[in-house]
Protein backbone atom coordinates (compact mmCIF):
# COMPACT_ATOMS: atom_id res chain seq x y z
CA MET A 1 -7.11 33.54 -2.96
CA SER A 2 -6.27 34.09 0.64
CA ARG A 3 -3.78 31.01 2.14
CA ARG A 4 -2.84 30.15 5.64
CA PHE A 5 0.13 28.87 7.01
CA PHE A 6 1.04 26.03 9.47
CA GLU A 7 4.58 25.01 10.62
CA GLY A 8 6.32 22.38 8.90
CA ALA A 9 3.87 19.15 9.44
CA ALA A 10 3.55 15.51 8.81
CA LEU A 11 -0.03 16.97 6.13
CA ALA A 12 0.64 15.33 2.70
CA ALA A 13 -2.61 14.13 1.17
CA PRO A 14 -3.56 11.61 0.50
CA LEU A 15 -1.47 8.78 1.25
CA PRO A 16 -2.13 4.93 0.71
CA ALA A 17 -3.58 3.39 3.15
CA VAL A 18 -1.47 -0.27 3.65
CA LEU A 19 -1.22 -3.32 5.80
CA ILE A 20 1.99 -4.19 5.66
CA THR A 21 2.17 -7.96 6.49
CA CYS A 22 5.99 -9.98 8.44
CA ARG A 23 6.60 -12.74 10.39
CA SER A 24 7.97 -13.57 13.51
CA PRO A 25 11.00 -15.63 13.79
CA GLU A 26 8.69 -18.38 15.64
CA GLY A 27 6.58 -17.73 12.13
CA ARG A 28 3.76 -15.57 14.02
CA ASP A 29 2.18 -13.87 10.77
CA ASN A 30 1.58 -9.70 12.44
CA VAL A 31 -0.42 -7.32 10.20
CA MET A 32 0.24 -3.15 10.96
CA THR A 33 -1.47 -1.18 9.52
CA ALA A 34 0.84 2.37 7.70
CA ALA A 35 0.42 5.41 5.56
CA TRP A 36 4.19 6.67 5.59
CA THR A 37 4.64 4.13 2.60
CA GLY A 38 4.92 4.13 -1.51
CA ILE A 39 7.44 3.68 -4.03
CA VAL A 40 11.46 5.36 -4.00
CA ASN A 41 12.30 3.48 -7.61
CA THR A 42 11.32 2.27 -10.46
CA ARG A 43 14.09 0.81 -11.81
CA PRO A 44 15.23 -1.64 -9.27
CA PRO A 45 11.42 -1.64 -8.36
CA MET A 46 11.96 -0.20 -4.66
CA ALA A 47 10.01 0.47 -1.64
CA TYR A 48 9.67 2.04 2.03
CA VAL A 49 7.40 2.29 4.82
CA SER A 50 8.59 4.29 7.78
CA VAL A 51 7.72 2.42 11.50
CA ARG A 52 8.06 3.76 14.90
CA PRO A 53 10.39 1.78 17.25
CA GLU A 54 7.85 0.79 19.59
CA ARG A 55 5.36 -1.35 17.30
CA PHE A 56 5.45 -4.44 17.09
CA SER A 57 6.51 -4.93 13.72
CA TYR A 58 9.35 -2.51 13.92
CA GLY A 59 11.33 -5.70 15.48
CA ILE A 60 10.63 -7.77 13.18
CA ILE A 61 10.99 -6.37 10.07
CA ARG A 62 14.51 -5.37 10.82
CA GLU A 63 15.29 -8.37 12.53
CA ARG A 64 14.27 -10.95 9.33
CA GLY A 65 14.45 -8.28 6.65
CA GLU A 66 11.39 -8.32 5.28
CA PHE A 67 7.68 -7.63 4.41
CA ALA A 68 4.50 -7.13 2.03
CA ILE A 69 2.90 -3.92 1.19
CA ASN A 70 -0.86 -5.05 1.13
CA LEU A 71 -3.05 -2.43 -0.57
CA THR A 72 -6.63 -1.90 1.01
CA THR A 73 -10.34 -1.44 -0.28
CA SER A 74 -13.06 0.97 1.34
CA LYS A 75 -13.60 -3.08 1.60
CA MET A 76 -11.38 -3.32 4.54
CA ALA A 77 -11.99 0.31 6.30
CA LEU A 78 -12.94 -1.30 9.20
CA GLU A 79 -9.57 -3.87 9.97
CA THR A 80 -7.31 -0.93 8.54
CA ASP A 81 -8.48 1.01 11.24
CA PHE A 82 -8.21 -1.44 13.27
CA CYS A 83 -4.78 -3.38 12.18
CA GLY A 84 -3.42 0.72 13.70
CA MET A 85 -5.01 0.84 17.02
CA LYS A 86 -4.32 -2.94 18.18
CA SER A 87 -0.36 -3.82 19.28
CA GLY A 88 0.46 -6.80 17.40
CA GLY A 89 2.32 -7.78 20.59
CA LYS A 90 -0.77 -8.47 22.38
CA THR A 91 -3.18 -9.38 19.91
CA ASP A 92 -3.56 -11.80 16.61
CA LYS A 93 -4.71 -9.05 14.01
CA ALA A 94 -4.90 -10.89 11.61
CA LYS A 95 -6.90 -13.86 12.46
CA LYS A 96 -9.21 -11.19 15.09
CA CYS A 97 -10.10 -9.31 11.43
CA LYS A 98 -10.65 -12.96 9.59
CA PHE A 99 -7.83 -12.02 6.62
CA THR A 100 -7.33 -14.98 4.96
CA LEU A 101 -2.48 -15.51 5.24
CA LEU A 102 -1.70 -16.79 1.84
CA PRO A 103 2.07 -17.88 1.37
CA ALA A 104 3.95 -14.79 -0.45
CA GLU A 105 6.15 -15.49 -3.78
CA THR A 106 8.99 -14.31 -2.66
CA VAL A 107 9.56 -13.35 0.51
CA ASP A 108 9.22 -15.24 3.76
CA CYS A 109 5.65 -13.73 5.57
CA ALA A 110 1.59 -13.76 4.71
CA VAL A 111 -0.25 -12.14 2.49
CA ILE A 112 -3.72 -10.78 2.66
CA GLY A 113 -6.00 -12.56 0.13
CA GLN A 114 -8.37 -9.46 0.53
CA SER A 115 -5.59 -7.31 -0.74
CA PRO A 116 -6.44 -6.38 -4.75
CA ALA A 117 -2.22 -6.53 -4.39
CA ALA A 118 0.57 -7.26 -2.65
CA LEU A 119 4.45 -6.13 -3.15
CA GLU A 120 6.84 -8.75 -1.42
CA CYS A 121 9.88 -6.38 -0.18
CA LYS A 122 13.66 -7.19 1.17
CA VAL A 123 14.76 -4.80 3.01
CA LYS A 124 18.08 -3.45 1.68
CA ARG A 125 18.63 -0.07 3.92
CA GLU A 126 17.28 1.68 7.02
CA ILE A 127 17.48 5.47 8.07
CA GLU A 128 17.24 6.18 10.97
CA LEU A 129 14.93 10.01 10.52
CA GLY A 130 13.48 10.91 14.06
CA SER A 131 9.83 9.50 15.20
CA HIS A 132 10.92 7.07 12.89
CA ILE A 133 12.80 4.00 10.76
CA MET A 134 12.80 4.26 7.40
CA PHE A 135 13.25 0.96 5.93
CA ILE A 136 13.70 0.81 1.85
CA ALA A 137 13.17 -2.18 0.32
CA ASP A 138 13.18 -4.34 -3.27
CA ILE A 139 10.58 -4.63 -4.23
CA THR A 140 10.70 -8.29 -5.00
CA GLY A 141 7.26 -9.25 -6.13
CA VAL A 142 3.40 -8.32 -6.86
CA THR A 143 0.47 -10.87 -6.37
CA VAL A 144 -2.75 -9.17 -8.02
CA ASP A 145 -5.91 -11.06 -7.57
CA GLU A 146 -7.67 -12.14 -11.07
CA ARG A 147 -10.26 -9.84 -10.51
CA TYR A 148 -8.64 -6.58 -11.22
CA ILE A 149 -6.96 -8.55 -14.81
CA ASP A 150 -8.33 -8.00 -17.83
CA SER A 151 -7.99 -10.00 -20.84
CA LYS A 152 -4.90 -7.96 -22.16
CA GLY A 153 -3.75 -8.66 -18.58
CA LYS A 154 -3.38 -4.79 -17.53
CA ILE A 155 -4.09 -4.22 -13.96
CA ASN A 156 -7.55 -2.66 -13.60
CA PHE A 157 -7.58 -1.34 -9.86
CA GLY A 158 -10.86 1.39 -10.90
CA GLN A 159 -12.59 -1.35 -9.49
CA ALA A 160 -11.37 -2.31 -6.30
CA GLY A 161 -12.49 0.77 -4.36
CA LEU A 162 -9.31 1.87 -3.48
CA MET A 163 -8.55 3.13 0.39
CA ALA A 164 -6.68 6.77 0.69
CA TYR A 165 -5.42 8.11 3.82
CA SER A 166 -5.81 12.05 4.23
CA HIS A 167 -4.87 13.82 7.72
CA GLY A 168 -6.62 11.00 10.02
CA GLU A 169 -9.45 9.79 8.09
CA TYR A 170 -10.26 7.48 5.57
CA PHE A 171 -10.73 8.16 1.91
CA ALA A 172 -12.29 5.53 -0.77
CA LEU A 173 -10.85 6.83 -3.47
CA GLY A 174 -13.04 8.39 -6.42
CA ARG A 175 -13.65 8.30 -10.43
CA LYS A 176 -10.82 8.13 -12.87
CA LEU A 177 -9.48 11.83 -14.40
CA GLY A 178 -7.15 10.67 -16.85
CA ASP A 179 -4.63 7.69 -17.58
CA PHE A 180 -0.73 8.80 -17.40
CA GLY A 181 -0.29 11.31 -20.61
CA PHE A 182 -3.28 12.43 -21.51
CA SER A 183 -2.86 16.19 -21.20
CA VAL A 184 -0.18 16.03 -24.25
CA ARG A 185 -1.29 13.49 -26.04
CA LYS A 186 -2.81 14.03 -29.96
CA LYS A 187 -6.75 12.99 -30.22
CA PRO A 188 -7.76 11.28 -32.70
CA LYS A 189 -8.44 12.63 -35.92
CA ARG A 190 -12.19 12.57 -36.30
CA SER A 191 -13.26 10.25 -39.50
CA PRO A 192 -15.57 11.82 -42.23
CA ASP A 193 -18.59 8.60 -41.01
CA ASN A 194 -18.39 9.67 -37.59
CA LYS A 195 -18.66 14.15 -38.69
CA LYS A 196 -21.35 15.25 -37.23
CA LYS A 197 -24.43 16.04 -40.77
């Protein structure tokens, strides 16, 4: 098996392709596409997003100290890419993409109605990294589209058609391969009635 060496690069994949929402001090909602994002802690629940200082959202998040991470689906691919290509300083991206903006529960910004779930975040710390500034935030609330919650209250994103980003390309997530712990879980014993005859 041969492998090829590359210099250090931002090549982890897949990554979430999300839409970050934030609200300016004047009350204007903005949407920005991000892939440099994820969970950093469980208790308390915390997430991060890394943003280039030249992005319109950077100044808003820095000043307001809050934002929302909106998950995306394959049906939102065109809009997700658009929101990463256009500047919120010149374009009302939410209006252009016809997003339904809903009020968040714990932060003063909108969440996107078409998103299957949104993580509401309050910035706790900023870290200057180089090309990006990382905002580490407490997840103060999560809203989930009821279509993806079963009768037992379990969230089932397998039906949502979540989207991922991989080295400049977008992908629809595929079939389920297992769940957490399936590799070590004991298989149930077969009852005599279920044995092959």
